[in-house]
Amino acid sequence: MAINLVFLGRLEDAAGGGSRTIPLVPSIDAVLDGLEPGLASALRGPRVKLAVNGILLQDKDAPVLKDGDEIAFLPPVSGG
């Protein structure tokens, strides 16, 4: 049982790649707690957005994760 993590933009650099598969854990906080400290800190940034199975989250604690879920971490976007 596993979940897939996808890192976009500058977060891909911080993660050392665009994706990884990790063992299933029950929450996003548990996902972040299991990552290396520097990456977890970057992903906990206030402007980083999360999507679970393509649905943008408003509350990082909201979903209970299931086998095969995909969590995408979206970096802040700047523009003009």
PDB file of N, CA and C in Angstrom:
ATOM      1  N   MET A   1       0.858  -1.174   0.000  1.00  0.00           N
ATOM      2  CA  MET A   1       0.000   0.000   0.000  1.00  0.00           C
ATOM      3  C   MET A   1       0.901   1.233   0.000  1.00  0.00           C
ATOM      4  N   ALA A   2       0.598   2.155  -0.911  1.00  0.00           N
ATOM      5  CA  ALA A   2       1.481   3.308  -1.091  1.00  0.00           C
ATOM      6  C   ALA A   2       0.697   4.501  -1.611  1.00  0.00           C
ATOM      7  N   ILE A   3       1.323   5.666  -1.479  1.00  0.00           N
ATOM      8  CA  ILE A   3       0.806   6.883  -2.094  1.00  0.00           C
ATOM      9  C   ILE A   3       1.922   7.499  -2.930  1.00  0.00           C
ATOM     10  N   ASN A   4       1.523   8.297  -3.886  1.00  0.00           N
ATOM     11  CA  ASN A   4       2.471   8.927  -4.803  1.00  0.00           C
ATOM     12  C   ASN A   4       2.549  10.418  -4.494  1.00  0.00           C
ATOM     13  N   LEU A   5       3.760  10.919  -4.445  1.00  0.00           N
ATOM     14  CA  LEU A   5       3.996  12.351  -4.238  1.00  0.00           C
ATOM     15  C   LEU A   5       4.523  12.935  -5.535  1.00  0.00           C
ATOM     16  N   VAL A   6       4.002  14.100  -5.910  1.00  0.00           N
ATOM     17  CA  VAL A   6       4.441  14.802  -7.112  1.00  0.00           C
ATOM     18  C   VAL A   6       4.888  16.194  -6.687  1.00  0.00           C
ATOM     19  N   PHE A   7       6.084  16.577  -7.132  1.00  0.00           N
ATOM     20  CA  PHE A   7       6.653  17.879  -6.779  1.00  0.00           C
ATOM     21  C   PHE A   7       6.778  18.709  -8.049  1.00  0.00           C
ATOM     22  N   LEU A   8       6.213  19.899  -8.040  1.00  0.00           N
ATOM     23  CA  LEU A   8       6.227  20.751  -9.224  1.00  0.00           C
ATOM     24  C   LEU A   8       7.117  21.976  -9.010  1.00  0.00           C
ATOM     25  N   GLY A   9       7.619  22.521 -10.101  1.00  0.00           N
ATOM     26  CA  GLY A   9       8.421  23.744 -10.065  1.00  0.00           C
ATOM     27  C   GLY A   9       9.654  23.608  -9.190  1.00  0.00           C
ATOM     28  N   ARG A  10       9.923  24.636  -8.411  1.00  0.00           N
ATOM     29  CA  ARG A  10      11.119  24.645  -7.559  1.00  0.00           C
ATOM     30  C   ARG A  10      11.067  23.559  -6.497  1.00  0.00           C
ATOM     31  N   LEU A  11       9.884  23.049  -6.186  1.00  0.00           N
ATOM     32  CA  LEU A  11       9.774  21.979  -5.197  1.00  0.00           C
ATOM     33  C   LEU A  11      10.372  20.677  -5.723  1.00  0.00           C
ATOM     34  N   GLU A  12      10.385  20.525  -7.047  1.00  0.00           N
ATOM     35  CA  GLU A  12      11.034  19.360  -7.652  1.00  0.00           C
ATOM     36  C   GLU A  12      12.529  19.380  -7.337  1.00  0.00           C
ATOM     37  N   ASP A  13      13.138  20.552  -7.407  1.00  0.00           N
ATOM     38  CA  ASP A  13      14.561  20.678  -7.063  1.00  0.00           C
ATOM     39  C   ASP A  13      14.797  20.336  -5.595  1.00  0.00           C
ATOM     40  N   ALA A  14      13.928  20.841  -4.723  1.00  0.00           N
ATOM     41  CA  ALA A  14      14.075  20.581  -3.292  1.00  0.00           C
ATOM     42  C   ALA A  14      13.930  19.090  -2.972  1.00  0.00           C
ATOM     43  N   ALA A  15      13.084  18.394  -3.739  1.00  0.00           N
ATOM     44  CA  ALA A  15      12.833  16.968  -3.501  1.00  0.00           C
ATOM     45  C   ALA A  15      13.853  16.077  -4.191  1.00  0.00           C
ATOM     46  N   GLY A  16      14.632  16.647  -5.100  1.00  0.00           N
ATOM     47  CA  GLY A  16      15.607  15.846  -5.831  1.00  0.00           C
ATOM     48  C   GLY A  16      14.986  15.019  -6.942  1.00  0.00           C
ATOM     49  N   GLY A  17      13.785  15.387  -7.354  1.00  0.00           N
ATOM     50  CA  GLY A  17      13.105  14.687  -8.447  1.00  0.00           C
ATOM     51  C   GLY A  17      11.648  15.085  -8.490  1.00  0.00           C
ATOM     52  N   GLY A  18      10.975  14.714  -9.560  1.00  0.00           N
ATOM     53  CA  GLY A  18       9.594  15.128  -9.771  1.00  0.00           C
ATOM     54  C   GLY A  18       8.561  14.309  -9.038  1.00  0.00           C
ATOM     55  N   SER A  19       8.938  13.104  -8.600  1.00  0.00           N
ATOM     56  CA  SER A  19       7.958  12.269  -7.901  1.00  0.00           C
ATOM     57  C   SER A  19       8.657  11.222  -7.057  1.00  0.00           C
ATOM     58  N   ARG A  20       7.902  10.664  -6.142  1.00  0.00           N
ATOM     59  CA  ARG A  20       8.365   9.519  -5.359  1.00  0.00           C
ATOM     60  C   ARG A  20       7.142   8.798  -4.798  1.00  0.00           C
ATOM     61  N   THR A  21       7.321   7.552  -4.506  1.00  0.00           N
ATOM     62  CA  THR A  21       6.277   6.733  -3.898  1.00  0.00           C
ATOM     63  C   THR A  21       6.708   6.421  -2.472  1.00  0.00           C
ATOM     64  N   ILE A  22       5.768   6.588  -1.551  1.00  0.00           N
ATOM     65  CA  ILE A  22       6.058   6.320  -0.144  1.00  0.00           C
ATOM     66  C   ILE A  22       4.999   5.367   0.408  1.00  0.00           C
ATOM     67  N   PRO A  23       5.289   4.695   1.519  1.00  0.00           N
ATOM     68  CA  PRO A  23       4.274   3.834   2.136  1.00  0.00           C
ATOM     69  C   PRO A  23       3.058   4.658   2.571  1.00  0.00           C
ATOM     70  N   LEU A  24       1.906   4.031   2.540  1.00  0.00           N
ATOM     71  CA  LEU A  24       0.667   4.690   2.933  1.00  0.00           C
ATOM     72  C   LEU A  24       0.730   5.128   4.396  1.00  0.00           C
ATOM     73  N   VAL A  25       0.367   6.388   4.623  1.00  0.00           N
ATOM     74  CA  VAL A  25       0.199   6.945   5.963  1.00  0.00           C
ATOM     75  C   VAL A  25      -1.172   7.613   5.996  1.00  0.00           C
ATOM     76  N   PRO A  26      -1.747   7.876   7.179  1.00  0.00           N
ATOM     77  CA  PRO A  26      -3.129   8.334   7.230  1.00  0.00           C
ATOM     78  C   PRO A  26      -3.377   9.808   6.909  1.00  0.00           C
ATOM     79  N   SER A  27      -2.336  10.647   6.970  1.00  0.00           N
ATOM     80  CA  SER A  27      -2.587  12.082   6.817  1.00  0.00           C
ATOM     81  C   SER A  27      -1.425  12.779   6.114  1.00  0.00           C
ATOM     82  N   ILE A  28      -1.690  13.989   5.665  1.00  0.00           N
ATOM     83  CA  ILE A  28      -0.645  14.784   5.020  1.00  0.00           C
ATOM     84  C   ILE A  28       0.431  15.167   6.024  1.00  0.00           C
ATOM     85  N   ASP A  29       0.036  15.446   7.261  1.00  0.00           N
ATOM     86  CA  ASP A  29       1.050  15.737   8.286  1.00  0.00           C
ATOM     87  C   ASP A  29       1.994  14.550   8.457  1.00  0.00           C
ATOM     88  N   ALA A  30       1.454  13.339   8.424  1.00  0.00           N
ATOM     89  CA  ALA A  30       2.297  12.147   8.543  1.00  0.00           C
ATOM     90  C   ALA A  30       3.217  12.011   7.336  1.00  0.00           C
ATOM     91  N   VAL A  31       2.724  12.379   6.144  1.00  0.00           N
ATOM     92  CA  VAL A  31       3.581  12.378   4.949  1.00  0.00           C
ATOM     93  C   VAL A  31       4.755  13.312   5.170  1.00  0.00           C
ATOM     94  N   LEU A  32       4.457  14.543   5.574  1.00  0.00           N
ATOM     95  CA  LEU A  32       5.502  15.546   5.760  1.00  0.00           C
ATOM     96  C   LEU A  32       6.471  15.154   6.870  1.00  0.00           C
ATOM     97  N   ASP A  33       5.958  14.562   7.941  1.00  0.00           N
ATOM     98  CA  ASP A  33       6.823  14.137   9.048  1.00  0.00           C
ATOM     99  C   ASP A  33       7.807  13.054   8.616  1.00  0.00           C
ATOM    100  N   GLY A  34       7.465  12.277   7.573  1.00  0.00           N
ATOM    101  CA  GLY A  34       8.325  11.203   7.113  1.00  0.00           C
ATOM    102  C   GLY A  34       9.369  11.619   6.094  1.00  0.00           C
ATOM    103  N   LEU A  35       9.331  12.872   5.661  1.00  0.00           N
ATOM    104  CA  LEU A  35      10.283  13.369   4.668  1.00  0.00           C
ATOM    105  C   LEU A  35      11.498  13.998   5.338  1.00  0.00           C
ATOM    106  N   GLU A  36      12.562  14.189   4.542  1.00  0.00           N
ATOM    107  CA  GLU A  36      13.736  14.843   5.100  1.00  0.00           C
ATOM    108  C   GLU A  36      13.350  16.252   5.591  1.00  0.00           C
ATOM    109  N   PRO A  37      13.984  16.711   6.693  1.00  0.00           N
ATOM    110  CA  PRO A  37      13.576  17.970   7.321  1.00  0.00           C
ATOM    111  C   PRO A  37      13.557  19.179   6.385  1.00  0.00           C
ATOM    112  N   GLY A  38      14.565  19.338   5.536  1.00  0.00           N
ATOM    113  CA  GLY A  38      14.601  20.496   4.643  1.00  0.00           C
ATOM    114  C   GLY A  38      13.459  20.487   3.645  1.00  0.00           C
ATOM    115  N   LEU A  39      13.159  19.320   3.096  1.00  0.00           N
ATOM    116  CA  LEU A  39      12.052  19.199   2.147  1.00  0.00           C
ATOM    117  C   LEU A  39      10.726  19.423   2.858  1.00  0.00           C
ATOM    118  N   ALA A  40      10.546  18.821   4.019  1.00  0.00           N
ATOM    119  CA  ALA A  40       9.302  19.002   4.772  1.00  0.00           C
ATOM    120  C   ALA A  40       9.068  20.472   5.085  1.00  0.00           C
ATOM    121  N   SER A  41      10.130  21.174   5.457  1.00  0.00           N
ATOM    122  CA  SER A  41      10.007  22.605   5.757  1.00  0.00           C
ATOM    123  C   SER A  41       9.564  23.382   4.520  1.00  0.00           C
ATOM    124  N   ALA A  42      10.151  23.071   3.364  1.00  0.00           N
ATOM    125  CA  ALA A  42       9.769  23.757   2.119  1.00  0.00           C
ATOM    126  C   ALA A  42       8.311  23.471   1.770  1.00  0.00           C
ATOM    127  N   LEU A  43       7.875  22.233   1.973  1.00  0.00           N
ATOM    128  CA  LEU A  43       6.505  21.861   1.615  1.00  0.00           C
ATOM    129  C   LEU A  43       5.477  22.421   2.583  1.00  0.00           C
ATOM    130  N   ARG A  44       5.908  22.745   3.790  1.00  0.00           N
ATOM    131  CA  ARG A  44       4.990  23.335   4.771  1.00  0.00           C
ATOM    132  C   ARG A  44       4.866  24.848   4.615  1.00  0.00           C
ATOM    133  N   GLY A  45       5.575  25.425   3.659  1.00  0.00           N
ATOM    134  CA  GLY A  45       5.511  26.870   3.440  1.00  0.00           C
ATOM    135  C   GLY A  45       4.080  27.347   3.262  1.00  0.00           C
ATOM    136  N   PRO A  46       3.785  28.542   3.738  1.00  0.00           N
ATOM    137  CA  PRO A  46       2.403  29.034   3.714  1.00  0.00           C
ATOM    138  C   PRO A  46       1.834  29.223   2.309  1.00  0.00           C
ATOM    139  N   ARG A  47       2.673  29.352   1.311  1.00  0.00           N
ATOM    140  CA  ARG A  47       2.167  29.589  -0.044  1.00  0.00           C
ATOM    141  C   ARG A  47       2.174  28.333  -0.916  1.00  0.00           C
ATOM    142  N   VAL A  48       2.630  27.212  -0.365  1.00  0.00           N
ATOM    143  CA  VAL A  48       2.611  25.953  -1.105  1.00  0.00           C
ATOM    144  C   VAL A  48       1.192  25.399  -1.069  1.00  0.00           C
ATOM    145  N   LYS A  49       0.662  25.058  -2.227  1.00  0.00           N
ATOM    146  CA  LYS A  49      -0.683  24.489  -2.346  1.00  0.00           C
ATOM    147  C   LYS A  49      -0.579  22.984  -2.523  1.00  0.00           C
ATOM    148  N   LEU A  50      -1.623  22.281  -2.119  1.00  0.00           N
ATOM    149  CA  LEU A  50      -1.670  20.833  -2.241  1.00  0.00           C
ATOM    150  C   LEU A  50      -2.898  20.419  -3.038  1.00  0.00           C
ATOM    151  N   ALA A  51      -2.730  19.374  -3.810  1.00  0.00           N
ATOM    152  CA  ALA A  51      -3.860  18.751  -4.494  1.00  0.00           C
ATOM    153  C   ALA A  51      -3.789  17.258  -4.229  1.00  0.00           C
ATOM    154  N   VAL A  52      -4.912  16.681  -3.858  1.00  0.00           N
ATOM    155  CA  VAL A  52      -5.002  15.234  -3.671  1.00  0.00           C
ATOM    156  C   VAL A  52      -5.894  14.691  -4.767  1.00  0.00           C
ATOM    157  N   ASN A  53      -5.329  13.826  -5.581  1.00  0.00           N
ATOM    158  CA  ASN A  53      -6.046  13.243  -6.713  1.00  0.00           C
ATOM    159  C   ASN A  53      -6.658  14.316  -7.613  1.00  0.00           C
ATOM    160  N   GLY A  54      -5.899  15.398  -7.813  1.00  0.00           N
ATOM    161  CA  GLY A  54      -6.312  16.464  -8.719  1.00  0.00           C
ATOM    162  C   GLY A  54      -7.248  17.495  -8.134  1.00  0.00           C
ATOM    163  N   ILE A  55      -7.582  17.377  -6.850  1.00  0.00           N
ATOM    164  CA  ILE A  55      -8.485  18.334  -6.206  1.00  0.00           C
ATOM    165  C   ILE A  55      -7.676  19.206  -5.258  1.00  0.00           C
ATOM    166  N   LEU A  56      -7.685  20.520  -5.510  1.00  0.00           N
ATOM    167  CA  LEU A  56      -6.938  21.469  -4.685  1.00  0.00           C
ATOM    168  C   LEU A  56      -7.544  21.522  -3.288  1.00  0.00           C
ATOM    169  N   LEU A  57      -6.693  21.418  -2.281  1.00  0.00           N
ATOM    170  CA  LEU A  57      -7.153  21.423  -0.890  1.00  0.00           C
ATOM    171  C   LEU A  57      -7.135  22.821  -0.308  1.00  0.00           C
ATOM    172  N   GLN A  58      -8.077  23.063   0.579  1.00  0.00           N
ATOM    173  CA  GLN A  58      -8.087  24.301   1.349  1.00  0.00           C
ATOM    174  C   GLN A  58      -7.467  24.085   2.722  1.00  0.00           C
ATOM    175  N   ASP A  59      -7.582  22.860   3.251  1.00  0.00           N
ATOM    176  CA  ASP A  59      -7.090  22.519   4.578  1.00  0.00           C
ATOM    177  C   ASP A  59      -6.151  21.334   4.451  1.00  0.00           C
ATOM    178  N   LYS A  60      -4.890  21.489   4.807  1.00  0.00           N
ATOM    179  CA  LYS A  60      -3.892  20.444   4.631  1.00  0.00           C
ATOM    180  C   LYS A  60      -4.174  19.204   5.483  1.00  0.00           C
ATOM    181  N   ASP A  61      -4.998  19.328   6.514  1.00  0.00           N
ATOM    182  CA  ASP A  61      -5.296  18.184   7.367  1.00  0.00           C
ATOM    183  C   ASP A  61      -6.552  17.439   6.924  1.00  0.00           C
ATOM    184  N   ALA A  62      -7.258  17.935   5.935  1.00  0.00           N
ATOM    185  CA  ALA A  62      -8.592  17.449   5.603  1.00  0.00           C
ATOM    186  C   ALA A  62      -8.693  15.983   5.196  1.00  0.00           C
ATOM    187  N   PRO A  63      -7.990  15.514   4.179  1.00  0.00           N
ATOM    188  CA  PRO A  63      -8.309  14.167   3.700  1.00  0.00           C
ATOM    189  C   PRO A  63      -7.659  13.050   4.512  1.00  0.00           C
ATOM    190  N   VAL A  64      -8.359  11.930   4.565  1.00  0.00           N
ATOM    191  CA  VAL A  64      -7.756  10.694   5.054  1.00  0.00           C
ATOM    192  C   VAL A  64      -7.232   9.994   3.811  1.00  0.00           C
ATOM    193  N   LEU A  65      -5.952   9.704   3.791  1.00  0.00           N
ATOM    194  CA  LEU A  65      -5.315   9.160   2.591  1.00  0.00           C
ATOM    195  C   LEU A  65      -5.620   7.682   2.427  1.00  0.00           C
ATOM    196  N   LYS A  66      -5.709   7.263   1.155  1.00  0.00           N
ATOM    197  CA  LYS A  66      -5.989   5.878   0.806  1.00  0.00           C
ATOM    198  C   LYS A  66      -4.905   5.359  -0.133  1.00  0.00           C
ATOM    199  N   ASP A  67      -4.813   4.046  -0.228  1.00  0.00           N
ATOM    200  CA  ASP A  67      -3.861   3.406  -1.123  1.00  0.00           C
ATOM    201  C   ASP A  67      -4.034   3.940  -2.542  1.00  0.00           C
ATOM    202  N   GLY A  68      -2.931   4.333  -3.153  1.00  0.00           N
ATOM    203  CA  GLY A  68      -2.947   4.815  -4.527  1.00  0.00           C
ATOM    204  C   GLY A  68      -3.222   6.299  -4.697  1.00  0.00           C
ATOM    205  N   ASP A  69      -3.482   7.022  -3.621  1.00  0.00           N
ATOM    206  CA  ASP A  69      -3.711   8.467  -3.730  1.00  0.00           C
ATOM    207  C   ASP A  69      -2.462   9.156  -4.258  1.00  0.00           C
ATOM    208  N   GLU A  70      -2.685  10.304  -4.907  1.00  0.00           N
ATOM    209  CA  GLU A  70      -1.586  11.137  -5.390  1.00  0.00           C
ATOM    210  C   GLU A  70      -1.687  12.501  -4.726  1.00  0.00           C
ATOM    211  N   ILE A  71      -0.588  12.934  -4.135  1.00  0.00           N
ATOM    212  CA  ILE A  71      -0.516  14.272  -3.542  1.00  0.00           C
ATOM    213  C   ILE A  71       0.450  15.088  -4.385  1.00  0.00           C
ATOM    214  N   ALA A  72      -0.044  16.184  -4.920  1.00  0.00           N
ATOM    215  CA  ALA A  72       0.808  17.093  -5.709  1.00  0.00           C
ATOM    216  C   ALA A  72       1.072  18.335  -4.869  1.00  0.00           C
ATOM    217  N   PHE A  73       2.334  18.735  -4.829  1.00  0.00           N
ATOM    218  CA  PHE A  73       2.751  19.932  -4.118  1.00  0.00           C
ATOM    219  C   PHE A  73       3.039  21.012  -5.153  1.00  0.00           C
ATOM    220  N   LEU A  74       2.297  22.118  -5.083  1.00  0.00           N
ATOM    221  CA  LEU A  74       2.395  23.185  -6.068  1.00  0.00           C
ATOM    222  C   LEU A  74       3.078  24.396  -5.443  1.00  0.00           C
ATOM    223  N   PRO A  75       4.165  24.868  -6.045  1.00  0.00           N
ATOM    224  CA  PRO A  75       4.891  26.003  -5.471  1.00  0.00           C
ATOM    225  C   PRO A  75       4.133  27.309  -5.682  1.00  0.00           C
ATOM    226  N   PRO A  76       4.532  28.340  -4.939  1.00  0.00           N
ATOM    227  CA  PRO A  76       3.948  29.659  -5.189  1.00  0.00           C
ATOM    228  C   PRO A  76       4.249  30.086  -6.632  1.00  0.00           C
ATOM    229  N   VAL A  77       3.295  30.762  -7.215  1.00  0.00           N
ATOM    230  CA  VAL A  77       3.467  31.226  -8.596  1.00  0.00           C
ATOM    231  C   VAL A  77       3.564  32.739  -8.586  1.00  0.00           C
ATOM    232  N   SER A  78       4.563  33.237  -9.284  1.00  0.00           N
ATOM    233  CA  SER A  78       4.677  34.693  -9.408  1.00  0.00           C
ATOM    234  C   SER A  78       4.364  35.052 -10.851  1.00  0.00           C
ATOM    235  N   GLY A  79       3.921  36.224 -11.014  1.00  0.00           N
ATOM    236  CA  GLY A  79       3.594  36.645 -12.378  1.00  0.00           C
ATOM    237  C   GLY A  79       3.327  38.128 -12.425  1.00  0.00           C
ATOM    238  N   GLY A  80       2.982  38.586 -13.574  1.00  0.00           N
ATOM    239  CA  GLY A  80       2.744  40.014 -13.677  1.00  0.00           C
ATOM    240  C   GLY A  80       1.733  40.335 -14.701  1.00  0.00           C
TER     241      GLY A  80
END
